[in-house]
């Protein structure tokens, strides 16, 4: 991957169901605050401005937990408050903003080359692919799996709690095997808060680093070859 010249300092924002985390490409210091079911898009912007008031930055990347179209959330999130769909982050921050699905931003931080499938094991199941530098957001979590339930029902946090670690690990391995057979990636990166609970990893997979979501946000601006987001 060739790094081009970045447009000044980048603020990378990782929006999660439990916390919102921020970091700039200049100081690499992480700050965060609690999110949760009452957090609106407007209140998130206000809190970010407050905790970064002693920082300077020129452009912004946002990893959003849901589908994104033309740098705006295309649907309300499952685990946050209201007012996200269609929210104009660029206008709210007064700076150029790129918004992508949070799994895609994490995937970009872990990407090396070729055709990569990213799966995020957190509250739900995040998913994305990067194919020879082209960014491909995906929504695999709610595809039917078994017993009228979805992939997310079995490998998300609720599935871990319901089935226990041993059975959950088996379901993760089976889901990864099915997706590898269908999508034929060169390799799989497994991230998210529950990735470290896996013992033996599924074939063709490795554990990603959650902190790489910030790196993915920086790469959205730094590498011109990775600007193509396929809808």
Protein backbone atom coordinates (compact mmCIF):
# COMPACT_ATOMS: atom_id res chain seq x y z
CA UNK A 1 0.00 0.00 0.00
CA UNK A 2 1.36 3.39 -0.99
CA UNK A 3 0.67 6.29 1.31
CA UNK A 4 -0.08 9.58 -0.33
CA UNK A 5 -0.01 12.99 1.25
CA UNK A 6 -2.72 13.45 3.87
CA UNK A 7 -4.74 16.70 3.95
CA UNK A 8 -3.40 17.89 7.30
CA UNK A 9 -4.35 16.26 10.60
CA UNK A 10 -7.10 13.63 10.58
CA UNK A 11 -9.55 13.05 13.43
CA UNK A 12 -10.68 9.40 13.43
CA UNK A 13 -13.96 8.63 15.25
CA UNK A 14 -14.99 5.07 16.12
CA UNK A 15 -18.69 5.01 17.08
CA UNK A 16 -19.58 1.97 19.19
CA UNK A 17 -22.60 0.75 21.09
CA UNK A 18 -20.90 1.27 24.46
CA UNK A 19 -18.27 3.96 23.77
CA UNK A 20 -17.27 6.58 21.21
CA UNK A 21 -13.49 6.71 20.76
CA UNK A 22 -11.42 9.40 19.04
CA UNK A 23 -7.79 9.86 17.99
CA UNK A 24 -5.89 12.15 15.65
CA UNK A 25 -3.20 11.18 13.17
CA UNK A 26 -0.90 13.69 14.86
CA UNK A 27 -0.86 12.85 18.57
CA UNK A 28 -2.17 9.22 18.54
CA UNK A 29 -3.77 9.71 21.96
CA UNK A 30 -7.12 7.97 22.48
CA UNK A 31 -10.00 9.69 24.23
CA UNK A 32 -13.49 8.27 24.70
CA UNK A 33 -16.88 8.69 26.31
CA UNK A 34 -19.85 6.42 27.01
CA UNK A 35 -22.42 6.12 24.21
CA UNK A 36 -25.48 3.90 24.73
CA UNK A 37 -29.16 3.90 23.72
CA UNK A 38 -29.75 7.61 24.42
CA UNK A 39 -26.85 8.99 22.37
CA UNK A 40 -28.04 11.04 19.39
CA UNK A 41 -25.87 12.14 16.47
CA UNK A 42 -26.16 15.77 17.56
CA UNK A 43 -25.13 15.03 21.16
CA UNK A 44 -22.22 12.89 19.95
CA UNK A 45 -20.84 15.77 17.90
CA UNK A 46 -21.18 18.11 20.88
CA UNK A 47 -19.31 15.70 23.16
CA UNK A 48 -16.54 15.14 20.61
CA UNK A 49 -16.06 18.88 20.25
CA UNK A 50 -15.82 19.15 24.03
CA UNK A 51 -13.24 16.40 24.59
CA UNK A 52 -11.13 17.54 21.61
CA UNK A 53 -11.28 21.30 22.24
CA UNK A 54 -7.52 21.35 22.89
CA UNK A 55 -6.81 19.43 19.66
CA UNK A 56 -6.52 20.78 16.13
CA UNK A 57 -7.56 18.73 13.09
CA UNK A 58 -8.41 19.43 9.47
CA UNK A 59 -10.54 16.51 8.26
CA UNK A 60 -12.57 13.75 9.93
CA UNK A 61 -13.30 10.06 9.46
CA UNK A 62 -16.31 8.43 11.13
CA UNK A 63 -16.87 4.68 11.57
CA UNK A 64 -20.66 4.31 11.96
CA UNK A 65 -22.40 1.13 13.24
CA UNK A 66 -24.78 0.73 10.33
CA UNK A 67 -25.13 1.17 6.56
CA UNK A 68 -23.75 4.36 5.01
CA UNK A 69 -24.58 6.04 1.69
CA UNK A 70 -22.72 9.11 0.39
CA UNK A 71 -21.06 9.80 3.74
CA UNK A 72 -24.36 9.78 5.66
CA UNK A 73 -25.92 7.05 7.83
CA UNK A 74 -28.59 5.27 5.80
CA UNK A 75 -30.47 3.84 8.80
CA UNK A 76 -30.81 4.40 12.53
CA UNK A 77 -28.39 2.33 14.66
CA UNK A 78 -29.59 -0.61 16.78
CA UNK A 79 -27.79 0.32 19.99
CA UNK A 80 -27.80 4.13 20.00
CA UNK A 81 -30.35 6.94 20.12
CA UNK A 82 -32.24 8.61 17.27
CA UNK A 83 -31.42 11.25 14.67
CA UNK A 84 -28.57 9.48 12.87
CA UNK A 85 -30.15 8.63 9.51
CA UNK A 86 -29.15 11.27 6.96
CA UNK A 87 -27.20 13.29 9.53
CA UNK A 88 -24.76 15.73 7.90
CA UNK A 89 -21.53 15.32 9.89
CA UNK A 90 -19.62 17.71 7.63
CA UNK A 91 -22.03 20.52 8.39
CA UNK A 92 -22.11 19.69 12.11
CA UNK A 93 -18.32 19.66 12.47
CA UNK A 94 -17.63 22.39 9.94
CA UNK A 95 -14.93 20.27 8.29
CA UNK A 96 -14.68 17.71 5.46
CA UNK A 97 -15.91 14.33 6.73
CA UNK A 98 -15.82 10.78 5.33
CA UNK A 99 -18.26 8.32 6.87
CA UNK A 100 -18.07 4.54 6.41
CA UNK A 101 -19.48 1.53 8.21
CA UNK A 102 -17.51 0.87 11.40
CA UNK A 103 -16.59 -2.67 10.32
CA UNK A 104 -15.23 -1.29 7.05
CA UNK A 105 -13.09 1.26 8.88
CA UNK A 106 -11.72 -1.49 11.14
CA UNK A 107 -11.12 -3.69 8.09
CA UNK A 108 -9.18 -0.94 6.34
CA UNK A 109 -6.88 -0.63 9.36
CA UNK A 110 -6.13 -4.36 9.22
CA UNK A 111 -5.85 -4.65 5.43
CA UNK A 112 -2.59 -5.81 3.85
CA UNK A 113 -3.32 -6.82 0.27
CA UNK A 114 -5.44 -9.03 -1.98
CA UNK A 115 -8.99 -10.06 -1.09
CA UNK A 116 -9.74 -9.79 2.62
CA UNK A 117 -12.92 -10.61 4.55
CA UNK A 118 -13.33 -8.84 7.89
CA UNK A 119 -15.70 -10.11 10.59
CA UNK A 120 -16.24 -8.16 13.80
CA UNK A 121 -17.37 -10.17 16.83
CA UNK A 122 -18.89 -7.61 19.16
CA UNK A 123 -22.41 -6.79 20.25
CA UNK A 124 -23.46 -8.05 16.83
CA UNK A 125 -21.56 -9.21 13.75
CA UNK A 126 -19.79 -6.59 11.65
CA UNK A 127 -18.64 -7.48 8.15
CA UNK A 128 -16.76 -5.95 5.23
CA UNK A 129 -14.47 -6.91 2.38
CA UNK A 130 -11.56 -5.18 0.70
CA UNK A 131 -10.77 -6.49 -2.77
CA UNK A 132 -7.49 -5.29 -4.26
CA UNK A 133 -7.96 -1.92 -2.55
CA UNK A 134 -11.68 -1.52 -3.32
CA UNK A 135 -13.73 -1.05 -0.15
CA UNK A 136 -16.85 -3.23 -0.04
CA UNK A 137 -19.23 -2.66 2.89
CA UNK A 138 -21.37 -5.71 3.68
CA UNK A 139 -24.36 -6.58 5.88
CA UNK A 140 -23.98 -10.31 6.52
CA UNK A 141 -25.14 -10.29 10.14
CA UNK A 142 -28.84 -10.78 9.44
CA UNK A 143 -28.61 -13.51 6.82
CA UNK A 144 -30.50 -16.68 7.86
CA UNK A 145 -28.35 -19.31 9.54
CA UNK A 146 -30.32 -21.98 11.45
CA UNK A 147 -33.53 -22.44 13.47
CA UNK A 148 -34.99 -19.26 11.92
CA UNK A 149 -32.09 -17.32 13.45
CA UNK A 150 -29.34 -15.27 11.83
CA UNK A 151 -25.55 -15.40 11.87
CA UNK A 152 -25.58 -12.58 14.41
CA UNK A 153 -27.93 -14.45 16.74
CA UNK A 154 -25.35 -17.22 17.09
CA UNK A 155 -21.98 -15.43 16.98
CA UNK A 156 -22.85 -12.02 18.47
CA UNK A 157 -22.66 -11.21 22.18
CA UNK A 158 -26.15 -12.61 22.83
CA UNK A 159 -25.13 -15.92 21.24
CA UNK A 160 -22.01 -16.10 23.41
CA UNK A 161 -24.10 -15.54 26.53
CA UNK A 162 -26.81 -18.00 25.50
CA UNK A 163 -24.65 -20.88 24.28
CA UNK A 164 -21.46 -20.52 26.31
CA UNK A 165 -17.92 -20.09 25.06
CA UNK A 166 -17.36 -23.66 23.78
CA UNK A 167 -20.49 -23.86 21.60
CA UNK A 168 -20.11 -20.22 20.54
CA UNK A 169 -16.57 -20.91 19.32
CA UNK A 170 -17.91 -23.80 17.24
CA UNK A 171 -20.56 -21.56 15.70
CA UNK A 172 -17.94 -18.92 14.87
CA UNK A 173 -15.80 -21.54 13.12
CA UNK A 174 -18.81 -22.81 11.15
CA UNK A 175 -19.93 -19.30 10.12
CA UNK A 176 -16.42 -18.38 9.01
CA UNK A 177 -16.14 -21.61 7.00
CA UNK A 178 -19.46 -20.92 5.26
CA UNK A 179 -18.54 -17.34 4.40
CA UNK A 180 -15.09 -18.34 3.17
CA UNK A 181 -16.69 -20.95 0.89
CA UNK A 182 -19.16 -18.40 -0.47
CA UNK A 183 -16.91 -15.34 -0.82
CA UNK A 184 -13.50 -16.98 -1.44
CA UNK A 185 -11.28 -14.43 0.33
CA UNK A 186 -7.51 -14.82 0.44
CA UNK A 187 -7.66 -14.42 4.22
CA UNK A 188 -10.02 -13.49 7.04
CA UNK A 189 -9.42 -10.95 9.80
CA UNK A 190 -11.53 -11.41 12.93
CA UNK A 191 -11.88 -8.34 15.14
CA UNK A 192 -14.29 -6.93 17.69
CA UNK A 193 -14.42 -7.12 21.44
CA UNK A 194 -15.03 -10.88 21.60
CA UNK A 195 -12.36 -11.95 19.11
CA UNK A 196 -9.88 -12.63 21.90
CA UNK A 197 -12.26 -15.24 23.36
CA UNK A 198 -11.53 -17.58 20.46
CA UNK A 199 -9.05 -20.38 21.08
CA UNK A 200 -8.04 -22.13 17.88
CA UNK A 201 -8.76 -19.80 14.98
CA UNK A 202 -10.78 -20.85 11.93
CA UNK A 203 -8.82 -21.63 8.76
CA UNK A 204 -7.34 -18.75 6.78
CA UNK A 205 -7.99 -16.30 9.63
CA UNK A 206 -6.07 -14.10 12.05
CA UNK A 207 -7.04 -11.76 14.87
CA UNK A 208 -7.20 -8.06 14.06
CA UNK A 209 -6.35 -5.21 16.40
CA UNK A 210 -9.30 -3.11 17.58
CA UNK A 211 -7.09 -0.03 17.71
CA UNK A 212 -6.64 -0.37 13.96
CA UNK A 213 -10.06 1.23 13.48
CA UNK A 214 -8.27 4.54 14.02
CA UNK A 215 -5.66 3.56 11.43
CA UNK A 216 -8.47 2.74 9.01
CA UNK A 217 -9.86 6.23 9.54
CA UNK A 218 -6.48 7.74 8.75
CA UNK A 219 -6.11 5.58 5.63
CA UNK A 220 -9.44 6.82 4.26
CA UNK A 221 -7.70 10.15 3.67
CA UNK A 222 -4.08 9.09 3.27
CA UNK A 223 -4.26 6.53 0.48
CA UNK A 224 -5.85 7.60 -2.79
CA UNK A 225 -5.94 3.97 -3.98
CA UNK A 226 -8.40 3.15 -1.20
CA UNK A 227 -10.99 5.83 -1.86
CA UNK A 228 -13.29 3.64 -3.91
CA UNK A 229 -16.18 2.52 -1.75
CA UNK A 230 -18.44 0.07 -3.63
CA UNK A 231 -22.08 0.46 -2.64
